[in-house]
C-alpha atoms as a PDB file:
ATOM      1  CA  UNK A   1       0.000   0.000   0.000  1.00  0.00           C
ATOM      2  CA  UNK A   2       2.811   2.409   0.882  1.00  0.00           C
ATOM      3  CA  UNK A   3       4.434   1.791  -2.488  1.00  0.00           C
ATOM      4  CA  UNK A   4       1.212   2.641  -4.304  1.00  0.00           C
ATOM      5  CA  UNK A   5       0.833   5.894  -2.354  1.00  0.00           C
ATOM      6  CA  UNK A   6       4.488   6.770  -2.920  1.00  0.00           C
ATOM      7  CA  UNK A   7       4.146   6.063  -6.648  1.00  0.00           C
ATOM      8  CA  UNK A   8       1.063   8.291  -6.854  1.00  0.00           C
ATOM      9  CA  UNK A   9       2.795  11.132  -5.001  1.00  0.00           C
ATOM     10  CA  UNK A  10       5.870  10.883  -7.231  1.00  0.00           C
ATOM     11  CA  UNK A  11       3.697  10.803 -10.349  1.00  0.00           C
ATOM     12  CA  UNK A  12       1.836  13.912  -9.211  1.00  0.00           C
ATOM     13  CA  UNK A  13       5.066  15.747  -8.445  1.00  0.00           C
ATOM     14  CA  UNK A  14       6.701  14.824 -11.754  1.00  0.00           C
ATOM     15  CA  UNK A  15       3.549  15.817 -13.625  1.00  0.00           C
ATOM     16  CA  UNK A  16       3.500  19.238 -12.033  1.00  0.00           C
ATOM     17  CA  UNK A  17       7.215  19.717 -12.690  1.00  0.00           C
ATOM     18  CA  UNK A  18       6.707  18.884 -16.342  1.00  0.00           C
ATOM     19  CA  UNK A  19       3.686  21.198 -16.483  1.00  0.00           C
ATOM     20  CA  UNK A  20       5.858  24.157 -15.391  1.00  0.00           C
ATOM     21  CA  UNK A  21       7.554  24.246 -18.813  1.00  0.00           C
ATOM     22  CA  UNK A  22       5.878  26.584 -21.290  1.00  0.00           C
ATOM     23  CA  UNK A  23       6.864  26.118 -24.933  1.00  0.00           C
ATOM     24  CA  UNK A  24       7.898  29.422 -26.498  1.00  0.00           C
ATOM     25  CA  UNK A  25       9.120  28.210 -29.883  1.00  0.00           C
ATOM     26  CA  UNK A  26      11.402  25.998 -31.893  1.00  0.00           C
ATOM     27  CA  UNK A  27      13.226  25.906 -35.204  1.00  0.00           C
ATOM     28  CA  UNK A  28      14.883  23.500 -37.633  1.00  0.00           C
ATOM     29  CA  UNK A  29      17.478  22.447 -35.002  1.00  0.00           C
ATOM     30  CA  UNK A  30      15.443  22.791 -31.825  1.00  0.00           C
ATOM     31  CA  UNK A  31      12.314  20.732 -31.150  1.00  0.00           C
ATOM     32  CA  UNK A  32      11.302  23.185 -28.497  1.00  0.00           C
ATOM     33  CA  UNK A  33      12.477  26.091 -26.412  1.00  0.00           C
ATOM     34  CA  UNK A  34      10.763  26.153 -23.023  1.00  0.00           C
ATOM     35  CA  UNK A  35      10.481  28.700 -20.228  1.00  0.00           C
ATOM     36  CA  UNK A  36       9.691  27.987 -16.582  1.00  0.00           C
ATOM     37  CA  UNK A  37       7.673  31.024 -15.430  1.00  0.00           C
ATOM     38  CA  UNK A  38       7.396  29.516 -11.931  1.00  0.00           C
ATOM     39  CA  UNK A  39      11.179  29.895 -11.555  1.00  0.00           C
ATOM     40  CA  UNK A  40      11.186  33.680 -12.125  1.00  0.00           C
ATOM     41  CA  UNK A  41      13.057  35.564  -9.415  1.00  0.00           C
ATOM     42  CA  UNK A  42      13.497  39.347  -9.334  1.00  0.00           C
ATOM     43  CA  UNK A  43      16.659  40.777  -7.804  1.00  0.00           C
ATOM     44  CA  UNK A  44      18.238  44.229  -8.068  1.00  0.00           C
ATOM     45  CA  UNK A  45      16.224  45.163 -11.161  1.00  0.00           C
ATOM     46  CA  UNK A  46      17.168  41.929 -12.954  1.00  0.00           C
ATOM     47  CA  UNK A  47      15.194  38.731 -13.540  1.00  0.00           C
ATOM     48  CA  UNK A  48      16.390  35.125 -13.228  1.00  0.00           C
ATOM     49  CA  UNK A  49      14.508  32.364 -15.057  1.00  0.00           C
ATOM     50  CA  UNK A  50      15.106  28.730 -15.961  1.00  0.00           C
ATOM     51  CA  UNK A  51      14.742  27.571 -19.549  1.00  0.00           C
ATOM     52  CA  UNK A  52      15.266  24.394 -21.515  1.00  0.00           C
ATOM     53  CA  UNK A  53      16.303  23.699 -25.100  1.00  0.00           C
ATOM     54  CA  UNK A  54      15.315  20.326 -26.554  1.00  0.00           C
ATOM     55  CA  UNK A  55      17.296  19.481 -29.712  1.00  0.00           C
ATOM     56  CA  UNK A  56      16.144  17.364 -32.667  1.00  0.00           C
ATOM     57  CA  UNK A  57      19.520  15.640 -33.036  1.00  0.00           C
ATOM     58  CA  UNK A  58      22.531  15.077 -30.799  1.00  0.00           C
ATOM     59  CA  UNK A  59      24.652  18.162 -30.230  1.00  0.00           C
ATOM     60  CA  UNK A  60      28.397  18.089 -29.681  1.00  0.00           C
ATOM     61  CA  UNK A  61      30.220  20.751 -27.714  1.00  0.00           C
ATOM     62  CA  UNK A  62      34.015  20.874 -27.845  1.00  0.00           C
ATOM     63  CA  UNK A  63      34.134  22.697 -24.490  1.00  0.00           C
ATOM     64  CA  UNK A  64      32.809  19.542 -22.791  1.00  0.00           C
ATOM     65  CA  UNK A  65      35.172  17.141 -24.519  1.00  0.00           C
ATOM     66  CA  UNK A  66      33.006  16.581 -27.626  1.00  0.00           C
ATOM     67  CA  UNK A  67      30.378  14.719 -25.596  1.00  0.00           C
ATOM     68  CA  UNK A  68      26.899  14.428 -27.100  1.00  0.00           C
ATOM     69  CA  UNK A  69      23.673  15.762 -25.604  1.00  0.00           C
ATOM     70  CA  UNK A  70      20.018  16.234 -26.612  1.00  0.00           C
ATOM     71  CA  UNK A  71      18.871  18.953 -24.213  1.00  0.00           C
ATOM     72  CA  UNK A  72      20.170  21.711 -22.010  1.00  0.00           C
ATOM     73  CA  UNK A  73      18.806  23.294 -18.849  1.00  0.00           C
ATOM     74  CA  UNK A  74      19.767  26.907 -18.320  1.00  0.00           C
ATOM     75  CA  UNK A  75      19.308  29.639 -15.772  1.00  0.00           C
ATOM     76  CA  UNK A  76      19.649  33.037 -17.370  1.00  0.00           C
ATOM     77  CA  UNK A  77      19.613  36.507 -15.919  1.00  0.00           C
ATOM     78  CA  UNK A  78      17.653  39.085 -17.913  1.00  0.00           C
ATOM     79  CA  UNK A  79      17.951  42.858 -18.009  1.00  0.00           C
ATOM     80  CA  UNK A  80      14.493  43.932 -19.119  1.00  0.00           C
ATOM     81  CA  UNK A  81      15.370  47.602 -19.632  1.00  0.00           C
ATOM     82  CA  UNK A  82      18.547  47.033 -21.666  1.00  0.00           C
ATOM     83  CA  UNK A  83      17.123  43.991 -23.520  1.00  0.00           C
ATOM     84  CA  UNK A  84      20.036  41.764 -22.575  1.00  0.00           C
ATOM     85  CA  UNK A  85      20.729  38.439 -20.904  1.00  0.00           C
ATOM     86  CA  UNK A  86      23.566  36.338 -19.541  1.00  0.00           C
ATOM     87  CA  UNK A  87      23.968  32.692 -18.681  1.00  0.00           C
ATOM     88  CA  UNK A  88      24.271  31.887 -14.970  1.00  0.00           C
ATOM     89  CA  UNK A  89      24.039  28.073 -14.943  1.00  0.00           C
ATOM     90  CA  UNK A  90      23.926  25.398 -17.616  1.00  0.00           C
ATOM     91  CA  UNK A  91      23.622  21.632 -17.563  1.00  0.00           C
ATOM     92  CA  UNK A  92      23.711  19.418 -20.629  1.00  0.00           C
ATOM     93  CA  UNK A  93      21.639  16.209 -20.696  1.00  0.00           C
ATOM     94  CA  UNK A  94      21.964  12.993 -22.692  1.00  0.00           C
ATOM     95  CA  UNK A  95      18.173  12.706 -23.143  1.00  0.00           C
ATOM     96  CA  UNK A  96      15.329  14.896 -24.354  1.00  0.00           C
ATOM     97  CA  UNK A  97      13.622  17.391 -22.020  1.00  0.00           C
ATOM     98  CA  UNK A  98      16.421  17.343 -19.442  1.00  0.00           C
ATOM     99  CA  UNK A  99      16.303  13.567 -19.123  1.00  0.00           C
ATOM    100  CA  UNK A 100      19.109  11.065 -19.097  1.00  0.00           C
ATOM    101  CA  UNK A 101      22.476  11.502 -17.525  1.00  0.00           C
ATOM    102  CA  UNK A 102      24.038  14.925 -17.047  1.00  0.00           C
ATOM    103  CA  UNK A 103      26.964  15.405 -19.423  1.00  0.00           C
ATOM    104  CA  UNK A 104      29.939  16.346 -17.231  1.00  0.00           C
ATOM    105  CA  UNK A 105      31.925  19.512 -17.804  1.00  0.00           C
ATOM    106  CA  UNK A 106      29.176  21.982 -18.718  1.00  0.00           C
ATOM    107  CA  UNK A 107      30.449  25.279 -20.178  1.00  0.00           C
ATOM    108  CA  UNK A 108      31.052  28.193 -17.820  1.00  0.00           C
ATOM    109  CA  UNK A 109      28.653  31.133 -17.523  1.00  0.00           C
ATOM    110  CA  UNK A 110      29.151  33.962 -19.974  1.00  0.00           C
ATOM    111  CA  UNK A 111      28.903  37.716 -20.228  1.00  0.00           C
ATOM    112  CA  UNK A 112      25.977  39.877 -21.266  1.00  0.00           C
ATOM    113  CA  UNK A 113      24.495  39.489 -24.751  1.00  0.00           C
ATOM    114  CA  UNK A 114      21.846  41.573 -26.498  1.00  0.00           C
ATOM    115  CA  UNK A 115      18.445  40.062 -27.196  1.00  0.00           C
ATOM    116  CA  UNK A 116      18.204  39.391 -30.931  1.00  0.00           C
ATOM    117  CA  UNK A 117      14.779  40.336 -32.366  1.00  0.00           C
ATOM    118  CA  UNK A 118      12.835  37.337 -33.674  1.00  0.00           C
ATOM    119  CA  UNK A 119      15.063  34.782 -31.904  1.00  0.00           C
ATOM    120  CA  UNK A 120      14.198  32.086 -29.376  1.00  0.00           C
ATOM    121  CA  UNK A 121      16.216  34.173 -26.928  1.00  0.00           C
ATOM    122  CA  UNK A 122      13.792  37.032 -27.455  1.00  0.00           C
ATOM    123  CA  UNK A 123      10.848  34.699 -26.792  1.00  0.00           C
ATOM    124  CA  UNK A 124      12.421  33.683 -23.467  1.00  0.00           C
ATOM    125  CA  UNK A 125      13.242  37.324 -22.624  1.00  0.00           C
ATOM    126  CA  UNK A 126       9.578  38.246 -23.275  1.00  0.00           C
ATOM    127  CA  UNK A 127       8.399  35.591 -20.791  1.00  0.00           C
ATOM    128  CA  UNK A 128      10.949  36.624 -18.145  1.00  0.00           C
ATOM    129  CA  UNK A 129      10.209  40.331 -18.546  1.00  0.00           C
ATOM    130  CA  UNK A 130       6.453  39.863 -18.944  1.00  0.00           C
ATOM    131  CA  UNK A 131       6.468  41.471 -22.398  1.00  0.00           C
ATOM    132  CA  UNK A 132       3.392  40.463 -24.352  1.00  0.00           C
END
């Protein structure tokens, strides 16, 4: 009986975690770009938000020893006034939608970049900054 209850609780929790992702777009290389509005945190005039990129085919990144991955989880910081963003945390995953093993040696955070109009980055910036 305890196992059944535990399984139901875990299923409910994983369902709600999956439901937090909101698809904001995709392209020929990316099955989907997802934002997690529930993760939005405001601090010192900036916004932090988690996002996920789910790739159609395996990606290879030389900075992680040419290991292959299918998705990446990111936490970005957004400057809504200056229309910019920077990467704070990144993890690469062997499976789709952040599944599978974490690929060791994820790239280091970067500096500020401008939001490119019409890009998936702009779609994420719009969610983080509540721009309709």
